[in-house]
Amino acid sequence: MTVPPMQPVLGRLMSLAYGGMLASGLVFAPQALAEPLPLPAASDAERLDREAAIRGNQLQLHQGLALAALGSMVLTAGLGLYATNFSAPEQHALFQSIHMGLGGITTGLYLGAAGLALTAPSGYPIERSGWDAVTIHRNLGWLHGAALATTVTLGILTATGRIPPSTHGIAGGTTLGLMTLSAGVIVFDF
């Protein structure tokens, strides 16, 4: 007695099962994914209202994360200054490790805040003329973003002994100053 090969039988069973799942809606066909579902028609006013609500929520979260990042940055800078200038030699490694951990937390908070700000919908159209608080805040954001990237890079180089800690400290102080100024421009809208 010869046994028929299993591949054609399994293939037929698989195609029947897949066809049944397609028909039942359990599996979506690739063609169905290529065509987006039509969205319900919304007026421009409804779309703007929805985007403005989303923007408001995102920018409130941005503000909270940015203030948390600023507070974490103050702690990180203070601990870094203490570890470099005032700690006992046997405690230096401990304080440096804590400083590096806080630096990671600060960077994560900062990236979360930046991501929220950069992906916020435009909301209601507003005509801006000249240098208002929001324009200054946005421009300072690009500066303190670059300064934070520089601070992190110099921190890694400092930890590996390639540059002195003072270089990293200057970059960190610059970042802290720019972030404080950026927050101040929004809080004290002139």
N, C-alpha and C. Protein backbone atom coordinates (compact mmCIF):
# COMPACT_ATOMS: atom_id res chain seq x y z
N MET A 1 0.83 -1.17 0.00
CA MET A 1 0.00 0.00 0.00
C MET A 1 0.89 1.24 0.00
N THR A 2 0.60 2.19 -0.84
CA THR A 2 1.37 3.42 -0.90
C THR A 2 0.59 4.54 -0.23
N VAL A 3 1.32 5.37 0.44
CA VAL A 3 0.71 6.52 1.13
C VAL A 3 0.83 7.73 0.21
N PRO A 4 -0.28 8.42 -0.05
CA PRO A 4 -0.17 9.60 -0.91
C PRO A 4 0.66 10.69 -0.21
N PRO A 5 1.36 11.48 -0.99
CA PRO A 5 2.15 12.55 -0.37
C PRO A 5 1.23 13.53 0.38
N MET A 6 1.71 14.00 1.51
CA MET A 6 0.89 14.85 2.38
C MET A 6 0.84 16.31 1.93
N GLN A 7 1.84 16.75 1.18
CA GLN A 7 1.90 18.16 0.83
C GLN A 7 0.67 18.62 0.05
N PRO A 8 0.23 17.90 -1.02
CA PRO A 8 -0.96 18.39 -1.72
C PRO A 8 -2.20 18.38 -0.83
N VAL A 9 -2.32 17.38 0.05
CA VAL A 9 -3.49 17.32 0.93
C VAL A 9 -3.46 18.48 1.91
N LEU A 10 -2.29 18.72 2.54
CA LEU A 10 -2.18 19.83 3.48
C LEU A 10 -2.38 21.17 2.78
N GLY A 11 -1.87 21.27 1.57
CA GLY A 11 -2.04 22.51 0.82
C GLY A 11 -3.50 22.80 0.57
N ARG A 12 -4.28 21.77 0.18
CA ARG A 12 -5.71 21.96 -0.06
C ARG A 12 -6.43 22.32 1.23
N LEU A 13 -6.05 21.65 2.33
CA LEU A 13 -6.68 21.96 3.62
C LEU A 13 -6.39 23.40 4.05
N MET A 14 -5.13 23.81 3.86
CA MET A 14 -4.74 25.17 4.24
C MET A 14 -5.49 26.21 3.41
N SER A 15 -5.60 25.96 2.11
CA SER A 15 -6.29 26.93 1.27
C SER A 15 -7.78 26.99 1.62
N LEU A 16 -8.38 25.85 1.95
CA LEU A 16 -9.78 25.85 2.37
C LEU A 16 -9.95 26.61 3.68
N ALA A 17 -9.05 26.35 4.63
CA ALA A 17 -9.13 27.02 5.93
C ALA A 17 -8.91 28.52 5.77
N TYR A 18 -7.92 28.91 4.96
CA TYR A 18 -7.64 30.32 4.74
C TYR A 18 -8.81 30.99 4.05
N GLY A 19 -9.40 30.32 3.07
CA GLY A 19 -10.57 30.86 2.39
C GLY A 19 -11.73 31.04 3.34
N GLY A 20 -11.92 30.09 4.25
CA GLY A 20 -12.98 30.21 5.24
C GLY A 20 -12.74 31.37 6.19
N MET A 21 -11.48 31.59 6.59
CA MET A 21 -11.17 32.71 7.47
C MET A 21 -11.35 34.03 6.75
N LEU A 22 -11.01 34.06 5.44
CA LEU A 22 -11.23 35.28 4.67
C LEU A 22 -12.72 35.60 4.60
N ALA A 23 -13.51 34.59 4.32
CA ALA A 23 -14.95 34.80 4.18
C ALA A 23 -15.58 35.23 5.51
N SER A 24 -15.06 34.71 6.62
CA SER A 24 -15.64 35.04 7.92
C SER A 24 -15.16 36.38 8.45
N GLY A 25 -14.12 36.94 7.82
CA GLY A 25 -13.59 38.22 8.28
C GLY A 25 -12.52 38.09 9.33
N LEU A 26 -12.07 36.87 9.65
CA LEU A 26 -11.01 36.70 10.64
C LEU A 26 -9.66 37.12 10.10
N VAL A 27 -9.48 37.02 8.80
CA VAL A 27 -8.21 37.40 8.17
C VAL A 27 -8.55 38.42 7.09
N PHE A 28 -7.77 39.50 7.04
CA PHE A 28 -7.99 40.50 6.02
C PHE A 28 -7.12 40.19 4.82
N ALA A 29 -7.67 40.32 3.65
CA ALA A 29 -6.91 40.10 2.43
C ALA A 29 -5.98 41.29 2.21
N PRO A 30 -4.80 41.06 1.64
CA PRO A 30 -3.89 42.18 1.39
C PRO A 30 -4.52 43.27 0.51
N GLN A 31 -5.42 42.89 -0.40
CA GLN A 31 -6.06 43.89 -1.24
C GLN A 31 -6.93 44.83 -0.40
N ALA A 32 -7.55 44.27 0.63
CA ALA A 32 -8.40 45.10 1.49
C ALA A 32 -7.56 46.09 2.28
N LEU A 33 -6.32 45.73 2.61
CA LEU A 33 -5.45 46.65 3.35
C LEU A 33 -4.92 47.77 2.47
N ALA A 34 -4.85 47.53 1.16
CA ALA A 34 -4.31 48.53 0.26
C ALA A 34 -5.25 49.71 0.10
N GLU A 35 -6.54 49.52 0.33
CA GLU A 35 -7.51 50.59 0.18
C GLU A 35 -7.99 51.04 1.55
N PRO A 36 -7.70 52.29 1.92
CA PRO A 36 -8.14 52.76 3.25
C PRO A 36 -9.66 52.87 3.31
N LEU A 37 -10.18 52.67 4.48
CA LEU A 37 -11.60 52.82 4.68
C LEU A 37 -11.97 54.30 4.59
N PRO A 38 -13.08 54.62 3.98
CA PRO A 38 -13.46 56.03 3.90
C PRO A 38 -13.84 56.55 5.28
N LEU A 39 -13.34 57.72 5.58
CA LEU A 39 -13.67 58.36 6.85
C LEU A 39 -15.00 59.10 6.70
N PRO A 40 -15.74 59.21 7.77
CA PRO A 40 -16.98 59.97 7.67
C PRO A 40 -16.66 61.42 7.33
N ALA A 41 -17.47 61.98 6.48
CA ALA A 41 -17.25 63.35 6.05
C ALA A 41 -17.39 64.29 7.25
N ALA A 42 -16.42 65.14 7.41
CA ALA A 42 -16.46 66.12 8.48
C ALA A 42 -16.20 67.49 7.88
N SER A 43 -16.85 68.46 8.41
CA SER A 43 -16.63 69.81 7.92
C SER A 43 -15.26 70.28 8.39
N ASP A 44 -14.79 71.33 7.77
CA ASP A 44 -13.50 71.89 8.18
C ASP A 44 -13.54 72.36 9.63
N ALA A 45 -14.66 72.89 10.04
CA ALA A 45 -14.78 73.37 11.43
C ALA A 45 -14.68 72.20 12.42
N GLU A 46 -15.34 71.07 12.10
CA GLU A 46 -15.25 69.90 12.98
C GLU A 46 -13.82 69.37 13.03
N ARG A 47 -13.16 69.32 11.87
CA ARG A 47 -11.78 68.83 11.82
C ARG A 47 -10.86 69.75 12.64
N LEU A 48 -11.04 71.07 12.48
CA LEU A 48 -10.22 72.01 13.25
C LEU A 48 -10.48 71.89 14.74
N ASP A 49 -11.75 71.71 15.13
CA ASP A 49 -12.09 71.54 16.55
C ASP A 49 -11.42 70.29 17.11
N ARG A 50 -11.47 69.19 16.35
CA ARG A 50 -10.86 67.94 16.79
C ARG A 50 -9.34 68.09 16.91
N GLU A 51 -8.71 68.71 15.89
CA GLU A 51 -7.27 68.91 15.94
C GLU A 51 -6.86 69.85 17.07
N ALA A 52 -7.66 70.87 17.31
CA ALA A 52 -7.34 71.81 18.39
C ALA A 52 -7.43 71.12 19.75
N ALA A 53 -8.40 70.23 19.93
CA ALA A 53 -8.52 69.50 21.19
C ALA A 53 -7.33 68.57 21.38
N ILE A 54 -6.96 67.87 20.32
CA ILE A 54 -5.79 66.98 20.39
C ILE A 54 -4.53 67.78 20.67
N ARG A 55 -4.38 68.91 19.98
CA ARG A 55 -3.21 69.77 20.18
C ARG A 55 -3.13 70.26 21.63
N GLY A 56 -4.27 70.69 22.17
CA GLY A 56 -4.27 71.17 23.56
C GLY A 56 -3.83 70.09 24.53
N ASN A 57 -4.34 68.87 24.35
CA ASN A 57 -3.94 67.77 25.23
C ASN A 57 -2.46 67.44 25.07
N GLN A 58 -2.00 67.39 23.81
CA GLN A 58 -0.59 67.06 23.59
C GLN A 58 0.34 68.12 24.18
N LEU A 59 -0.03 69.37 24.03
CA LEU A 59 0.85 70.43 24.54
C LEU A 59 0.82 70.51 26.07
N GLN A 60 -0.30 70.12 26.68
CA GLN A 60 -0.30 70.04 28.15
C GLN A 60 0.63 68.92 28.62
N LEU A 61 0.59 67.77 27.94
CA LEU A 61 1.52 66.69 28.28
C LEU A 61 2.96 67.12 28.01
N HIS A 62 3.17 67.84 26.91
CA HIS A 62 4.50 68.35 26.59
C HIS A 62 5.01 69.25 27.71
N GLN A 63 4.14 70.11 28.20
CA GLN A 63 4.53 71.02 29.27
C GLN A 63 4.91 70.26 30.53
N GLY A 64 4.11 69.27 30.89
CA GLY A 64 4.41 68.49 32.09
C GLY A 64 5.71 67.71 31.97
N LEU A 65 5.92 67.05 30.84
CA LEU A 65 7.17 66.29 30.64
C LEU A 65 8.37 67.22 30.57
N ALA A 66 8.20 68.39 29.94
CA ALA A 66 9.32 69.33 29.83
C ALA A 66 9.70 69.88 31.21
N LEU A 67 8.71 70.17 32.04
CA LEU A 67 9.03 70.65 33.40
C LEU A 67 9.67 69.54 34.23
N ALA A 68 9.21 68.30 34.04
CA ALA A 68 9.85 67.17 34.72
C ALA A 68 11.29 67.00 34.23
N ALA A 69 11.50 67.17 32.93
CA ALA A 69 12.86 67.07 32.38
C ALA A 69 13.74 68.19 32.93
N LEU A 70 13.19 69.38 33.04
CA LEU A 70 13.95 70.50 33.60
C LEU A 70 14.31 70.25 35.06
N GLY A 71 13.37 69.76 35.84
CA GLY A 71 13.67 69.43 37.24
C GLY A 71 14.71 68.32 37.35
N SER A 72 14.58 67.30 36.52
CA SER A 72 15.55 66.21 36.52
C SER A 72 16.92 66.71 36.08
N MET A 73 16.93 67.68 35.15
CA MET A 73 18.20 68.22 34.70
C MET A 73 18.89 69.02 35.81
N VAL A 74 18.11 69.73 36.61
CA VAL A 74 18.68 70.47 37.75
C VAL A 74 19.31 69.49 38.74
N LEU A 75 18.59 68.39 39.04
CA LEU A 75 19.15 67.37 39.95
C LEU A 75 20.41 66.74 39.36
N THR A 76 20.37 66.44 38.07
CA THR A 76 21.52 65.81 37.42
C THR A 76 22.73 66.74 37.46
N ALA A 77 22.51 68.02 37.16
CA ALA A 77 23.61 68.99 37.17
C ALA A 77 24.16 69.16 38.58
N GLY A 78 23.27 69.28 39.55
CA GLY A 78 23.74 69.43 40.94
C GLY A 78 24.54 68.24 41.41
N LEU A 79 24.06 67.05 41.09
CA LEU A 79 24.79 65.84 41.49
C LEU A 79 26.12 65.74 40.75
N GLY A 80 26.13 66.13 39.48
CA GLY A 80 27.39 66.10 38.72
C GLY A 80 28.42 67.06 39.30
N LEU A 81 27.96 68.26 39.67
CA LEU A 81 28.87 69.22 40.29
C LEU A 81 29.39 68.71 41.63
N TYR A 82 28.50 68.11 42.41
CA TYR A 82 28.91 67.58 43.71
C TYR A 82 29.91 66.44 43.53
N ALA A 83 29.60 65.53 42.61
CA ALA A 83 30.48 64.38 42.40
C ALA A 83 31.86 64.81 41.92
N THR A 84 31.90 65.80 41.07
CA THR A 84 33.18 66.23 40.50
C THR A 84 33.99 67.06 41.49
N ASN A 85 33.34 67.92 42.25
CA ASN A 85 34.08 68.90 43.06
C ASN A 85 34.11 68.64 44.56
N PHE A 86 33.13 67.92 45.10
CA PHE A 86 33.04 67.85 46.55
C PHE A 86 33.00 66.45 47.14
N SER A 87 32.78 65.44 46.32
CA SER A 87 32.63 64.10 46.89
C SER A 87 33.99 63.52 47.27
N ALA A 88 33.96 62.64 48.26
CA ALA A 88 35.17 61.93 48.66
C ALA A 88 35.57 60.97 47.54
N PRO A 89 36.85 60.72 47.36
CA PRO A 89 37.28 59.85 46.26
C PRO A 89 36.61 58.47 46.26
N GLU A 90 36.33 57.92 47.44
CA GLU A 90 35.71 56.59 47.48
C GLU A 90 34.23 56.64 47.11
N GLN A 91 33.62 57.82 47.12
CA GLN A 91 32.21 57.97 46.75
C GLN A 91 32.02 58.45 45.31
N HIS A 92 33.10 58.81 44.65
CA HIS A 92 33.00 59.38 43.31
C HIS A 92 32.29 58.44 42.33
N ALA A 93 32.64 57.19 42.34
CA ALA A 93 32.04 56.23 41.39
C ALA A 93 30.53 56.09 41.64
N LEU A 94 30.12 56.08 42.89
CA LEU A 94 28.69 55.99 43.21
C LEU A 94 27.94 57.20 42.68
N PHE A 95 28.44 58.39 42.97
CA PHE A 95 27.77 59.61 42.52
C PHE A 95 27.79 59.72 40.99
N GLN A 96 28.87 59.28 40.38
CA GLN A 96 28.94 59.31 38.92
C GLN A 96 27.89 58.37 38.31
N SER A 97 27.70 57.20 38.91
CA SER A 97 26.68 56.26 38.41
C SER A 97 25.28 56.84 38.55
N ILE A 98 25.02 57.46 39.70
CA ILE A 98 23.70 58.08 39.90
C ILE A 98 23.51 59.23 38.91
N HIS A 99 24.56 60.02 38.70
CA HIS A 99 24.52 61.12 37.74
C HIS A 99 24.20 60.60 36.33
N MET A 100 24.82 59.51 35.94
CA MET A 100 24.57 58.94 34.62
C MET A 100 23.13 58.41 34.51
N GLY A 101 22.64 57.79 35.57
CA GLY A 101 21.25 57.31 35.57
C GLY A 101 20.26 58.45 35.46
N LEU A 102 20.48 59.52 36.24
CA LEU A 102 19.62 60.69 36.14
C LEU A 102 19.71 61.34 34.76
N GLY A 103 20.90 61.31 34.17
CA GLY A 103 21.05 61.84 32.81
C GLY A 103 20.20 61.06 31.82
N GLY A 104 20.14 59.75 31.98
CA GLY A 104 19.30 58.93 31.12
C GLY A 104 17.82 59.23 31.30
N ILE A 105 17.41 59.40 32.55
CA ILE A 105 16.01 59.75 32.84
C ILE A 105 15.67 61.11 32.24
N THR A 106 16.58 62.07 32.42
CA THR A 106 16.37 63.41 31.87
C THR A 106 16.23 63.36 30.36
N THR A 107 17.11 62.59 29.72
CA THR A 107 17.05 62.48 28.26
C THR A 107 15.74 61.85 27.81
N GLY A 108 15.28 60.82 28.52
CA GLY A 108 14.01 60.18 28.18
C GLY A 108 12.84 61.14 28.33
N LEU A 109 12.80 61.89 29.43
CA LEU A 109 11.74 62.88 29.63
C LEU A 109 11.78 63.95 28.55
N TYR A 110 12.99 64.38 28.22
CA TYR A 110 13.16 65.41 27.19
C TYR A 110 12.66 64.91 25.84
N LEU A 111 13.05 63.68 25.46
CA LEU A 111 12.63 63.14 24.17
C LEU A 111 11.11 62.95 24.12
N GLY A 112 10.51 62.55 25.23
CA GLY A 112 9.05 62.44 25.28
C GLY A 112 8.38 63.79 25.06
N ALA A 113 8.89 64.81 25.73
CA ALA A 113 8.33 66.16 25.58
C ALA A 113 8.54 66.68 24.16
N ALA A 114 9.71 66.44 23.60
CA ALA A 114 9.98 66.90 22.24
C ALA A 114 9.11 66.18 21.23
N GLY A 115 8.92 64.87 21.42
CA GLY A 115 8.07 64.12 20.51
C GLY A 115 6.64 64.62 20.52
N LEU A 116 6.12 64.95 21.69
CA LEU A 116 4.77 65.49 21.78
C LEU A 116 4.65 66.85 21.08
N ALA A 117 5.65 67.69 21.25
CA ALA A 117 5.61 69.01 20.64
C ALA A 117 5.72 68.92 19.11
N LEU A 118 6.59 68.04 18.65
CA LEU A 118 6.82 67.95 17.21
C LEU A 118 5.67 67.28 16.46
N THR A 119 4.89 66.44 17.14
CA THR A 119 3.81 65.73 16.46
C THR A 119 2.43 66.32 16.75
N ALA A 120 2.37 67.43 17.44
CA ALA A 120 1.07 68.05 17.74
C ALA A 120 0.46 68.60 16.45
N PRO A 121 -0.85 68.37 16.25
CA PRO A 121 -1.49 68.94 15.07
C PRO A 121 -1.46 70.46 15.11
N SER A 122 -1.66 71.07 13.96
CA SER A 122 -1.53 72.53 13.89
C SER A 122 -2.67 73.26 14.59
N GLY A 123 -3.85 72.69 14.65
CA GLY A 123 -4.96 73.34 15.34
C GLY A 123 -5.51 74.52 14.54
N TYR A 124 -6.00 75.53 15.23
CA TYR A 124 -6.58 76.68 14.56
C TYR A 124 -5.49 77.53 13.90
N PRO A 125 -5.75 78.02 12.71
CA PRO A 125 -4.73 78.89 12.07
C PRO A 125 -4.64 80.23 12.80
N ILE A 126 -3.43 80.60 13.14
CA ILE A 126 -3.19 81.85 13.85
C ILE A 126 -2.14 82.62 13.07
N GLU A 127 -2.41 83.88 12.83
CA GLU A 127 -1.42 84.72 12.15
C GLU A 127 -0.45 85.25 13.19
N ARG A 128 0.81 85.00 12.95
CA ARG A 128 1.86 85.47 13.87
C ARG A 128 2.70 86.50 13.13
N SER A 129 3.02 87.54 13.84
CA SER A 129 3.88 88.55 13.24
C SER A 129 5.02 88.84 14.20
N GLY A 130 6.21 88.81 13.66
CA GLY A 130 7.37 89.12 14.48
C GLY A 130 7.75 88.00 15.43
N TRP A 131 8.38 88.40 16.50
CA TRP A 131 8.91 87.44 17.48
C TRP A 131 7.99 87.40 18.69
N ASP A 132 7.02 86.52 18.67
CA ASP A 132 6.17 86.35 19.84
C ASP A 132 6.74 85.24 20.72
N ALA A 133 6.10 84.99 21.84
CA ALA A 133 6.63 84.02 22.81
C ALA A 133 6.72 82.62 22.23
N VAL A 134 5.72 82.20 21.45
CA VAL A 134 5.72 80.85 20.89
C VAL A 134 6.86 80.68 19.88
N THR A 135 7.09 81.69 19.04
CA THR A 135 8.18 81.62 18.06
C THR A 135 9.53 81.54 18.76
N ILE A 136 9.71 82.35 19.78
CA ILE A 136 10.98 82.31 20.54
C ILE A 136 11.14 80.95 21.22
N HIS A 137 10.06 80.43 21.80
CA HIS A 137 10.10 79.13 22.46
C HIS A 137 10.49 78.03 21.48
N ARG A 138 9.88 78.05 20.29
CA ARG A 138 10.21 77.03 19.29
C ARG A 138 11.66 77.12 18.85
N ASN A 139 12.17 78.33 18.63
CA ASN A 139 13.56 78.47 18.21
C ASN A 139 14.52 78.06 19.33
N LEU A 140 14.19 78.41 20.56
CA LEU A 140 15.01 77.96 21.68
C LEU A 140 14.98 76.43 21.81
N GLY A 141 13.86 75.83 21.44
CA GLY A 141 13.75 74.36 21.47
C GLY A 141 14.79 73.70 20.57
N TRP A 142 14.98 74.24 19.39
CA TRP A 142 16.00 73.67 18.49
C TRP A 142 17.39 73.85 19.10
N LEU A 143 17.62 74.98 19.74
CA LEU A 143 18.94 75.21 20.36
C LEU A 143 19.17 74.28 21.55
N HIS A 144 18.20 74.18 22.46
CA HIS A 144 18.45 73.32 23.62
C HIS A 144 18.40 71.84 23.25
N GLY A 145 17.73 71.50 22.14
CA GLY A 145 17.79 70.11 21.65
C GLY A 145 19.20 69.76 21.20
N ALA A 146 19.81 70.66 20.43
CA ALA A 146 21.19 70.44 19.99
C ALA A 146 22.15 70.46 21.18
N ALA A 147 21.88 71.34 22.14
CA ALA A 147 22.74 71.41 23.32
C ALA A 147 22.64 70.14 24.16
N LEU A 148 21.43 69.57 24.26
CA LEU A 148 21.29 68.32 25.02
C LEU A 148 22.01 67.18 24.33
N ALA A 149 21.90 67.11 23.01
CA ALA A 149 22.62 66.06 22.27
C ALA A 149 24.13 66.20 22.48
N THR A 150 24.61 67.45 22.49
CA THR A 150 26.03 67.69 22.74
C THR A 150 26.40 67.29 24.16
N THR A 151 25.55 67.62 25.12
CA THR A 151 25.81 67.28 26.52
C THR A 151 25.91 65.78 26.72
N VAL A 152 24.98 65.04 26.12
CA VAL A 152 24.99 63.58 26.26
C VAL A 152 26.26 63.00 25.61
N THR A 153 26.60 63.49 24.42
CA THR A 153 27.80 63.00 23.74
C THR A 153 29.06 63.30 24.55
N LEU A 154 29.15 64.52 25.06
CA LEU A 154 30.33 64.87 25.88
C LEU A 154 30.33 64.13 27.21
N GLY A 155 29.15 63.81 27.73
CA GLY A 155 29.09 63.01 28.96
C GLY A 155 29.66 61.62 28.74
N ILE A 156 29.36 61.02 27.60
CA ILE A 156 29.91 59.70 27.29
C ILE A 156 31.43 59.80 27.13
N LEU A 157 31.88 60.85 26.46
CA LEU A 157 33.34 61.03 26.30
C LEU A 157 34.01 61.30 27.64
N THR A 158 33.35 62.00 28.53
CA THR A 158 33.90 62.24 29.87
C THR A 158 33.96 60.94 30.67
N ALA A 159 32.91 60.14 30.59
CA ALA A 159 32.88 58.87 31.34
C ALA A 159 33.97 57.91 30.87
N THR A 160 34.33 58.00 29.61
CA THR A 160 35.39 57.12 29.09
C THR A 160 36.77 57.73 29.25
N GLY A 161 36.84 58.94 29.84
CA GLY A 161 38.13 59.56 30.12
C GLY A 161 38.76 60.27 28.95
N ARG A 162 38.03 60.54 27.92
CA ARG A 162 38.61 61.17 26.72
C ARG A 162 38.67 62.69 26.81
N ILE A 163 37.77 63.28 27.61
CA ILE A 163 37.78 64.74 27.78
C ILE A 163 37.58 65.04 29.26
N PRO A 164 37.97 66.23 29.69
CA PRO A 164 37.79 66.57 31.11
C PRO A 164 36.31 66.82 31.45
N PRO A 165 35.93 66.57 32.70
CA PRO A 165 34.54 66.77 33.11
C PRO A 165 34.04 68.21 32.92
N SER A 166 34.94 69.18 32.95
CA SER A 166 34.51 70.57 32.83
C SER A 166 33.87 70.84 31.46
N THR A 167 34.33 70.18 30.41
CA THR A 167 33.76 70.38 29.08
C THR A 167 32.31 69.91 29.05
N HIS A 168 32.07 68.75 29.63
CA HIS A 168 30.71 68.22 29.74
C HIS A 168 29.87 69.14 30.62
N GLY A 169 30.43 69.66 31.67
CA GLY A 169 29.71 70.55 32.58
C GLY A 169 29.30 71.85 31.91
N ILE A 170 30.17 72.39 31.06
CA ILE A 170 29.83 73.63 30.34
C ILE A 170 28.66 73.38 29.39
N ALA A 171 28.70 72.26 28.68
CA ALA A 171 27.60 71.92 27.77
C ALA A 171 26.30 71.70 28.56
N GLY A 172 26.41 71.02 29.70
CA GLY A 172 25.23 70.78 30.53
C GLY A 172 24.65 72.08 31.07
N GLY A 173 25.51 72.97 31.50
CA GLY A 173 25.04 74.27 32.00
C GLY A 173 24.38 75.09 30.91
N THR A 174 24.93 75.03 29.70
CA THR A 174 24.34 75.73 28.57
C THR A 174 22.95 75.17 28.26
N THR A 175 22.82 73.83 28.27
CA THR A 175 21.53 73.20 28.03
C THR A 175 20.52 73.60 29.10
N LEU A 176 20.95 73.56 30.34
CA LEU A 176 20.06 73.93 31.44
C LEU A 176 19.61 75.38 31.31
N GLY A 177 20.52 76.25 30.96
CA GLY A 177 20.17 77.67 30.77
C GLY A 177 19.19 77.88 29.63
N LEU A 178 19.42 77.20 28.51
CA LEU A 178 18.52 77.35 27.36
C LEU A 178 17.14 76.78 27.66
N MET A 179 17.10 75.65 28.37
CA MET A 179 15.79 75.08 28.72
C MET A 179 15.04 75.98 29.71
N THR A 180 15.75 76.55 30.65
CA THR A 180 15.12 77.45 31.62
C THR A 180 14.59 78.70 30.91
N LEU A 181 15.38 79.23 30.00
CA LEU A 181 14.95 80.39 29.24
C LEU A 181 13.73 80.06 28.38
N SER A 182 13.74 78.89 27.76
CA SER A 182 12.61 78.45 26.92
C SER A 182 11.33 78.32 27.75
N ALA A 183 11.44 77.74 28.95
CA ALA A 183 10.28 77.63 29.83
C ALA A 183 9.84 79.01 30.31
N GLY A 184 10.80 79.86 30.62
CA GLY A 184 10.47 81.20 31.09
C GLY A 184 9.74 82.04 30.07
N VAL A 185 10.08 81.86 28.80
CA VAL A 185 9.42 82.63 27.75
C VAL A 185 7.93 82.28 27.70
N ILE A 186 7.59 81.01 27.93
CA ILE A 186 6.19 80.61 27.89
C ILE A 186 5.47 81.02 29.19
N VAL A 187 6.14 80.83 30.33
CA VAL A 187 5.50 81.16 31.61
C VAL A 187 5.28 82.67 31.73
N PHE A 188 6.28 83.46 31.37
CA PHE A 188 6.20 84.91 31.46
C PHE A 188 6.03 85.49 30.06
N ASP A 189 4.88 85.20 29.45
CA ASP A 189 4.59 85.65 28.10
C ASP A 189 4.62 87.18 28.08
N PHE A 190 5.51 87.72 27.25
CA PHE A 190 5.66 89.19 27.23
C PHE A 190 4.87 89.83 26.13
